[in-house]
Amino acid sequence: MRQLAVAAPARGQGLGLALLRQAFAEFLRRGRPAVGLAVDAENSTGATRLYGRAGMRVLRRFDRYTKELRLEPARS
């Protein structure tokens, strides 16, 4: 499994937590005693709260820098 998501209209009903718990059980059944994921810390869907409720903890945080590049007229 690479992605897990709940459609916006279905959020807030416990589906995300149930999906995570099911995935955790399957990973454990397959011999994986630990799992990890990456998430945008500023995610507005409540994903970070969900992961905390599922018993996950932050291992490390990263800053990602971006810059929009634009062509500028040549100077003479």
PDB file of N, CA and C in Angstrom:
ATOM      1  N   MET A   1       0.855  -1.168   0.000  1.00  0.00           N
ATOM      2  CA  MET A   1       0.000   0.000   0.000  1.00  0.00           C
ATOM      3  C   MET A   1       0.904   1.235   0.000  1.00  0.00           C
ATOM      4  N   ARG A   2       0.585   2.186  -0.814  1.00  0.00           N
ATOM      5  CA  ARG A   2       1.383   3.405  -0.893  1.00  0.00           C
ATOM      6  C   ARG A   2       0.632   4.618  -0.363  1.00  0.00           C
ATOM      7  N   GLN A   3      -0.694   4.608  -0.459  1.00  0.00           N
ATOM      8  CA  GLN A   3      -1.459   5.764  -0.010  1.00  0.00           C
ATOM      9  C   GLN A   3      -2.722   5.302   0.694  1.00  0.00           C
ATOM     10  N   LEU A   4      -3.133   6.107   1.634  1.00  0.00           N
ATOM     11  CA  LEU A   4      -4.365   5.850   2.357  1.00  0.00           C
ATOM     12  C   LEU A   4      -5.086   7.183   2.453  1.00  0.00           C
ATOM     13  N   ALA A   5      -6.344   7.215   2.084  1.00  0.00           N
ATOM     14  CA  ALA A   5      -7.077   8.476   2.101  1.00  0.00           C
ATOM     15  C   ALA A   5      -8.557   8.222   2.354  1.00  0.00           C
ATOM     16  N   VAL A   6      -9.209   9.243   2.889  1.00  0.00           N
ATOM     17  CA  VAL A   6     -10.658   9.225   3.075  1.00  0.00           C
ATOM     18  C   VAL A   6     -11.204  10.434   2.340  1.00  0.00           C
ATOM     19  N   ALA A   7     -12.203  10.221   1.518  1.00  0.00           N
ATOM     20  CA  ALA A   7     -12.817  11.313   0.758  1.00  0.00           C
ATOM     21  C   ALA A   7     -13.371  12.365   1.714  1.00  0.00           C
ATOM     22  N   ALA A   8     -13.255  13.611   1.333  1.00  0.00           N
ATOM     23  CA  ALA A   8     -13.673  14.731   2.184  1.00  0.00           C
ATOM     24  C   ALA A   8     -15.072  14.560   2.790  1.00  0.00           C
ATOM     25  N   PRO A   9     -16.090  14.167   2.011  1.00  0.00           N
ATOM     26  CA  PRO A   9     -17.433  14.042   2.613  1.00  0.00           C
ATOM     27  C   PRO A   9     -17.533  12.950   3.676  1.00  0.00           C
ATOM     28  N   ALA A  10     -16.605  11.999   3.686  1.00  0.00           N
ATOM     29  CA  ALA A  10     -16.664  10.883   4.633  1.00  0.00           C
ATOM     30  C   ALA A  10     -15.766  11.087   5.850  1.00  0.00           C
ATOM     31  N   ARG A  11     -15.053  12.198   5.917  1.00  0.00           N
ATOM     32  CA  ARG A  11     -14.145  12.431   7.036  1.00  0.00           C
ATOM     33  C   ARG A  11     -14.913  12.704   8.320  1.00  0.00           C
ATOM     34  N   GLY A  12     -14.253  12.438   9.440  1.00  0.00           N
ATOM     35  CA  GLY A  12     -14.859  12.692  10.742  1.00  0.00           C
ATOM     36  C   GLY A  12     -15.738  11.566  11.252  1.00  0.00           C
ATOM     37  N   GLN A  13     -15.720  10.426  10.570  1.00  0.00           N
ATOM     38  CA  GLN A  13     -16.550   9.291  10.977  1.00  0.00           C
ATOM     39  C   GLN A  13     -15.723   8.126  11.515  1.00  0.00           C
ATOM     40  N   GLY A  14     -14.419   8.329  11.666  1.00  0.00           N
ATOM     41  CA  GLY A  14     -13.573   7.260  12.182  1.00  0.00           C
ATOM     42  C   GLY A  14     -13.015   6.333  11.125  1.00  0.00           C
ATOM     43  N   LEU A  15     -13.278   6.625   9.866  1.00  0.00           N
ATOM     44  CA  LEU A  15     -12.810   5.743   8.792  1.00  0.00           C
ATOM     45  C   LEU A  15     -11.296   5.746   8.664  1.00  0.00           C
ATOM     46  N   GLY A  16     -10.682   6.907   8.776  1.00  0.00           N
ATOM     47  CA  GLY A  16      -9.228   6.996   8.658  1.00  0.00           C
ATOM     48  C   GLY A  16      -8.535   6.189   9.736  1.00  0.00           C
ATOM     49  N   LEU A  17      -9.016   6.308  10.972  1.00  0.00           N
ATOM     50  CA  LEU A  17      -8.423   5.565  12.078  1.00  0.00           C
ATOM     51  C   LEU A  17      -8.622   4.060  11.870  1.00  0.00           C
ATOM     52  N   ALA A  18      -9.792   3.675  11.414  1.00  0.00           N
ATOM     53  CA  ALA A  18     -10.054   2.254  11.150  1.00  0.00           C
ATOM     54  C   ALA A  18      -9.140   1.728  10.040  1.00  0.00           C
ATOM     55  N   LEU A  19      -8.942   2.509   8.999  1.00  0.00           N
ATOM     56  CA  LEU A  19      -8.050   2.095   7.911  1.00  0.00           C
ATOM     57  C   LEU A  19      -6.611   1.966   8.392  1.00  0.00           C
ATOM     58  N   LEU A  20      -6.162   2.924   9.191  1.00  0.00           N
ATOM     59  CA  LEU A  20      -4.804   2.853   9.729  1.00  0.00           C
ATOM     60  C   LEU A  20      -4.635   1.614  10.603  1.00  0.00           C
ATOM     61  N   ARG A  21      -5.578   1.373  11.479  1.00  0.00           N
ATOM     62  CA  ARG A  21      -5.473   0.212  12.372  1.00  0.00           C
ATOM     63  C   ARG A  21      -5.456  -1.086  11.572  1.00  0.00           C
ATOM     64  N   GLN A  22      -6.259  -1.157  10.535  1.00  0.00           N
ATOM     65  CA  GLN A  22      -6.270  -2.348   9.679  1.00  0.00           C
ATOM     66  C   GLN A  22      -4.926  -2.506   8.977  1.00  0.00           C
ATOM     67  N   ALA A  23      -4.384  -1.400   8.477  1.00  0.00           N
ATOM     68  CA  ALA A  23      -3.078  -1.447   7.810  1.00  0.00           C
ATOM     69  C   ALA A  23      -1.994  -1.855   8.798  1.00  0.00           C
ATOM     70  N   PHE A  24      -2.016  -1.314  10.014  1.00  0.00           N
ATOM     71  CA  PHE A  24      -1.027  -1.677  11.022  1.00  0.00           C
ATOM     72  C   PHE A  24      -1.082  -3.180  11.312  1.00  0.00           C
ATOM     73  N   ALA A  25      -2.289  -3.710  11.463  1.00  0.00           N
ATOM     74  CA  ALA A  25      -2.454  -5.141  11.740  1.00  0.00           C
ATOM     75  C   ALA A  25      -1.891  -5.985  10.600  1.00  0.00           C
ATOM     76  N   GLU A  26      -2.127  -5.545   9.386  1.00  0.00           N
ATOM     77  CA  GLU A  26      -1.625  -6.298   8.228  1.00  0.00           C
ATOM     78  C   GLU A  26      -0.104  -6.230   8.151  1.00  0.00           C
ATOM     79  N   PHE A  27       0.467  -5.062   8.409  1.00  0.00           N
ATOM     80  CA  PHE A  27       1.929  -4.963   8.420  1.00  0.00           C
ATOM     81  C   PHE A  27       2.516  -5.895   9.482  1.00  0.00           C
ATOM     82  N   LEU A  28       1.924  -5.903  10.659  1.00  0.00           N
ATOM     83  CA  LEU A  28       2.406  -6.765  11.729  1.00  0.00           C
ATOM     84  C   LEU A  28       2.284  -8.237  11.339  1.00  0.00           C
ATOM     85  N   ARG A  29       1.161  -8.596  10.742  1.00  0.00           N
ATOM     86  CA  ARG A  29       0.954  -9.978  10.284  1.00  0.00           C
ATOM     87  C   ARG A  29       2.039 -10.391   9.293  1.00  0.00           C
ATOM     88  N   ARG A  30       2.502  -9.432   8.486  1.00  0.00           N
ATOM     89  CA  ARG A  30       3.540  -9.717   7.489  1.00  0.00           C
ATOM     90  C   ARG A  30       4.953  -9.575   8.045  1.00  0.00           C
ATOM     91  N   GLY A  31       5.058  -9.401   9.348  1.00  0.00           N
ATOM     92  CA  GLY A  31       6.368  -9.344   9.969  1.00  0.00           C
ATOM     93  C   GLY A  31       7.004  -7.971  10.037  1.00  0.00           C
ATOM     94  N   ARG A  32       6.228  -6.936   9.813  1.00  0.00           N
ATOM     95  CA  ARG A  32       6.740  -5.558   9.902  1.00  0.00           C
ATOM     96  C   ARG A  32       6.307  -4.972  11.245  1.00  0.00           C
ATOM     97  N   PRO A  33       7.194  -4.920  12.235  1.00  0.00           N
ATOM     98  CA  PRO A  33       6.801  -4.433  13.558  1.00  0.00           C
ATOM     99  C   PRO A  33       6.752  -2.907  13.684  1.00  0.00           C
ATOM    100  N   ALA A  34       7.155  -2.193  12.640  1.00  0.00           N
ATOM    101  CA  ALA A  34       7.110  -0.725  12.687  1.00  0.00           C
ATOM    102  C   ALA A  34       6.761  -0.199  11.300  1.00  0.00           C
ATOM    103  N   VAL A  35       6.067   0.920  11.277  1.00  0.00           N
ATOM    104  CA  VAL A  35       5.709   1.569  10.013  1.00  0.00           C
ATOM    105  C   VAL A  35       5.970   3.064  10.142  1.00  0.00           C
ATOM    106  N   GLY A  36       6.137   3.721   9.025  1.00  0.00           N
ATOM    107  CA  GLY A  36       6.331   5.160   9.021  1.00  0.00           C
ATOM    108  C   GLY A  36       5.625   5.775   7.839  1.00  0.00           C
ATOM    109  N   LEU A  37       5.447   7.055   7.900  1.00  0.00           N
ATOM    110  CA  LEU A  37       4.836   7.767   6.782  1.00  0.00           C
ATOM    111  C   LEU A  37       5.342   9.195   6.765  1.00  0.00           C
ATOM    112  N   ALA A  38       5.130   9.844   5.667  1.00  0.00           N
ATOM    113  CA  ALA A  38       5.487  11.255   5.517  1.00  0.00           C
ATOM    114  C   ALA A  38       4.201  12.040   5.292  1.00  0.00           C
ATOM    115  N   VAL A  39       4.134  13.216   5.878  1.00  0.00           N
ATOM    116  CA  VAL A  39       2.945  14.051   5.749  1.00  0.00           C
ATOM    117  C   VAL A  39       3.361  15.519   5.782  1.00  0.00           C
ATOM    118  N   ASP A  40       2.625  16.325   5.082  1.00  0.00           N
ATOM    119  CA  ASP A  40       2.826  17.770   5.140  1.00  0.00           C
ATOM    120  C   ASP A  40       2.366  18.227   6.530  1.00  0.00           C
ATOM    121  N   ALA A  41       3.270  18.776   7.311  1.00  0.00           N
ATOM    122  CA  ALA A  41       2.941  19.188   8.680  1.00  0.00           C
ATOM    123  C   ALA A  41       1.870  20.263   8.722  1.00  0.00           C
ATOM    124  N   GLU A  42       1.660  20.965   7.634  1.00  0.00           N
ATOM    125  CA  GLU A  42       0.630  21.999   7.574  1.00  0.00           C
ATOM    126  C   GLU A  42      -0.625  21.497   6.870  1.00  0.00           C
ATOM    127  N   ASN A  43      -0.755  20.192   6.761  1.00  0.00           N
ATOM    128  CA  ASN A  43      -1.906  19.564   6.136  1.00  0.00           C
ATOM    129  C   ASN A  43      -3.188  20.052   6.819  1.00  0.00           C
ATOM    130  N   SER A  44      -4.131  20.518   6.046  1.00  0.00           N
ATOM    131  CA  SER A  44      -5.364  21.093   6.607  1.00  0.00           C
ATOM    132  C   SER A  44      -6.483  20.067   6.778  1.00  0.00           C
ATOM    133  N   THR A  45      -6.227  18.793   6.455  1.00  0.00           N
ATOM    134  CA  THR A  45      -7.275  17.782   6.535  1.00  0.00           C
ATOM    135  C   THR A  45      -7.379  17.129   7.905  1.00  0.00           C
ATOM    136  N   GLY A  46      -6.467  17.456   8.806  1.00  0.00           N
ATOM    137  CA  GLY A  46      -6.487  16.831  10.125  1.00  0.00           C
ATOM    138  C   GLY A  46      -5.663  15.554  10.182  1.00  0.00           C
ATOM    139  N   ALA A  47      -4.880  15.295   9.141  1.00  0.00           N
ATOM    140  CA  ALA A  47      -4.100  14.063   9.079  1.00  0.00           C
ATOM    141  C   ALA A  47      -3.136  13.932  10.252  1.00  0.00           C
ATOM    142  N   THR A  48      -2.478  15.003  10.631  1.00  0.00           N
ATOM    143  CA  THR A  48      -1.501  14.899  11.710  1.00  0.00           C
ATOM    144  C   THR A  48      -2.174  14.536  13.038  1.00  0.00           C
ATOM    145  N   ARG A  49      -3.355  15.056  13.287  1.00  0.00           N
ATOM    146  CA  ARG A  49      -4.110  14.679  14.500  1.00  0.00           C
ATOM    147  C   ARG A  49      -4.508  13.207  14.442  1.00  0.00           C
ATOM    148  N   LEU A  50      -4.912  12.758  13.274  1.00  0.00           N
ATOM    149  CA  LEU A  50      -5.289  11.354  13.088  1.00  0.00           C
ATOM    150  C   LEU A  50      -4.118  10.442  13.418  1.00  0.00           C
ATOM    151  N   TYR A  51      -2.932  10.764  12.925  1.00  0.00           N
ATOM    152  CA  TYR A  51      -1.769   9.912  13.175  1.00  0.00           C
ATOM    153  C   TYR A  51      -1.451   9.867  14.662  1.00  0.00           C
ATOM    154  N   GLY A  52      -1.619  10.975  15.357  1.00  0.00           N
ATOM    155  CA  GLY A  52      -1.431  10.981  16.802  1.00  0.00           C
ATOM    156  C   GLY A  52      -2.441  10.094  17.507  1.00  0.00           C
ATOM    157  N   ARG A  53      -3.699  10.155  17.097  1.00  0.00           N
ATOM    158  CA  ARG A  53      -4.733   9.298  17.693  1.00  0.00           C
ATOM    159  C   ARG A  53      -4.457   7.828  17.419  1.00  0.00           C
ATOM    160  N   ALA A  54      -3.777   7.547  16.306  1.00  0.00           N
ATOM    161  CA  ALA A  54      -3.453   6.162  15.953  1.00  0.00           C
ATOM    162  C   ALA A  54      -2.218   5.669  16.699  1.00  0.00           C
ATOM    163  N   GLY A  55      -1.620   6.525  17.542  1.00  0.00           N
ATOM    164  CA  GLY A  55      -0.474   6.122  18.333  1.00  0.00           C
ATOM    165  C   GLY A  55       0.864   6.401  17.686  1.00  0.00           C
ATOM    166  N   MET A  56       0.853   7.095  16.563  1.00  0.00           N
ATOM    167  CA  MET A  56       2.103   7.429  15.890  1.00  0.00           C
ATOM    168  C   MET A  56       2.715   8.659  16.554  1.00  0.00           C
ATOM    169  N   ARG A  57       4.020   8.788  16.413  1.00  0.00           N
ATOM    170  CA  ARG A  57       4.708   9.954  16.968  1.00  0.00           C
ATOM    171  C   ARG A  57       5.631  10.535  15.915  1.00  0.00           C
ATOM    172  N   VAL A  58       5.943  11.801  16.066  1.00  0.00           N
ATOM    173  CA  VAL A  58       6.843  12.474  15.127  1.00  0.00           C
ATOM    174  C   VAL A  58       8.257  11.987  15.389  1.00  0.00           C
ATOM    175  N   LEU A  59       8.911  11.505  14.359  1.00  0.00           N
ATOM    176  CA  LEU A  59      10.291  11.064  14.467  1.00  0.00           C
ATOM    177  C   LEU A  59      11.246  12.181  14.095  1.00  0.00           C
ATOM    178  N   ARG A  60      10.947  12.880  12.991  1.00  0.00           N
ATOM    179  CA  ARG A  60      11.744  14.034  12.594  1.00  0.00           C
ATOM    180  C   ARG A  60      10.903  14.927  11.701  1.00  0.00           C
ATOM    181  N   ARG A  61      11.312  16.163  11.619  1.00  0.00           N
ATOM    182  CA  ARG A  61      10.635  17.144  10.764  1.00  0.00           C
ATOM    183  C   ARG A  61      11.643  17.709   9.792  1.00  0.00           C
ATOM    184  N   PHE A  62      11.147  18.096   8.637  1.00  0.00           N
ATOM    185  CA  PHE A  62      11.996  18.672   7.605  1.00  0.00           C
ATOM    186  C   PHE A  62      11.412  19.997   7.137  1.00  0.00           C
ATOM    187  N   ASP A  63      12.272  20.901   6.798  1.00  0.00           N
ATOM    188  CA  ASP A  63      11.852  22.131   6.128  1.00  0.00           C
ATOM    189  C   ASP A  63      12.161  21.945   4.652  1.00  0.00           C
ATOM    190  N   ARG A  64      11.262  22.386   3.828  1.00  0.00           N
ATOM    191  CA  ARG A  64      11.464  22.307   2.387  1.00  0.00           C
ATOM    192  C   ARG A  64      11.347  23.719   1.848  1.00  0.00           C
ATOM    193  N   TYR A  65      12.362  24.147   1.153  1.00  0.00           N
ATOM    194  CA  TYR A  65      12.387  25.498   0.618  1.00  0.00           C
ATOM    195  C   TYR A  65      12.079  25.441  -0.877  1.00  0.00           C
ATOM    196  N   THR A  66      11.292  26.399  -1.327  1.00  0.00           N
ATOM    197  CA  THR A  66      10.997  26.494  -2.747  1.00  0.00           C
ATOM    198  C   THR A  66      11.137  27.941  -3.191  1.00  0.00           C
ATOM    199  N   LYS A  67      11.342  28.104  -4.464  1.00  0.00           N
ATOM    200  CA  LYS A  67      11.414  29.442  -5.057  1.00  0.00           C
ATOM    201  C   LYS A  67      10.857  29.327  -6.461  1.00  0.00           C
ATOM    202  N   GLU A  68       9.933  30.177  -6.768  1.00  0.00           N
ATOM    203  CA  GLU A  68       9.389  30.214  -8.116  1.00  0.00           C
ATOM    204  C   GLU A  68      10.368  30.996  -8.990  1.00  0.00           C
ATOM    205  N   LEU A  69      10.803  30.381 -10.063  1.00  0.00           N
ATOM    206  CA  LEU A  69      11.771  31.013 -10.947  1.00  0.00           C
ATOM    207  C   LEU A  69      11.058  31.638 -12.141  1.00  0.00           C
ATOM    208  N   ARG A  70      11.472  32.835 -12.491  1.00  0.00           N
ATOM    209  CA  ARG A  70      10.890  33.532 -13.636  1.00  0.00           C
ATOM    210  C   ARG A  70      12.002  34.089 -14.484  1.00  0.00           C
ATOM    211  N   LEU A  71      11.794  34.042 -15.772  1.00  0.00           N
ATOM    212  CA  LEU A  71      12.764  34.640 -16.681  1.00  0.00           C
ATOM    213  C   LEU A  71      12.640  36.153 -16.606  1.00  0.00           C
ATOM    214  N   GLU A  72      13.776  36.802 -16.479  1.00  0.00           N
ATOM    215  CA  GLU A  72      13.781  38.258 -16.427  1.00  0.00           C
ATOM    216  C   GLU A  72      14.391  38.775 -17.729  1.00  0.00           C
ATOM    217  N   PRO A  73      13.928  39.926 -18.192  1.00  0.00           N
ATOM    218  CA  PRO A  73      14.504  40.483 -19.426  1.00  0.00           C
ATOM    219  C   PRO A  73      16.017  40.683 -19.258  1.00  0.00           C
ATOM    220  N   ALA A  74      16.737  40.453 -20.326  1.00  0.00           N
ATOM    221  CA  ALA A  74      18.191  40.623 -20.288  1.00  0.00           C
ATOM    222  C   ALA A  74      18.530  42.106 -20.058  1.00  0.00           C
ATOM    223  N   ARG A  75      19.533  42.338 -19.243  1.00  0.00           N
ATOM    224  CA  ARG A  75      19.963  43.711 -18.961  1.00  0.00           C
ATOM    225  C   ARG A  75      21.046  44.096 -19.962  1.00  0.00           C
ATOM    226  N   SER A  76      21.022  45.365 -20.385  1.00  0.00           N
ATOM    227  CA  SER A  76      22.065  45.803 -21.325  1.00  0.00           C
ATOM    228  C   SER A  76      23.047  46.709 -20.685  1.00  0.00           C
TER     229      SER A  76
END
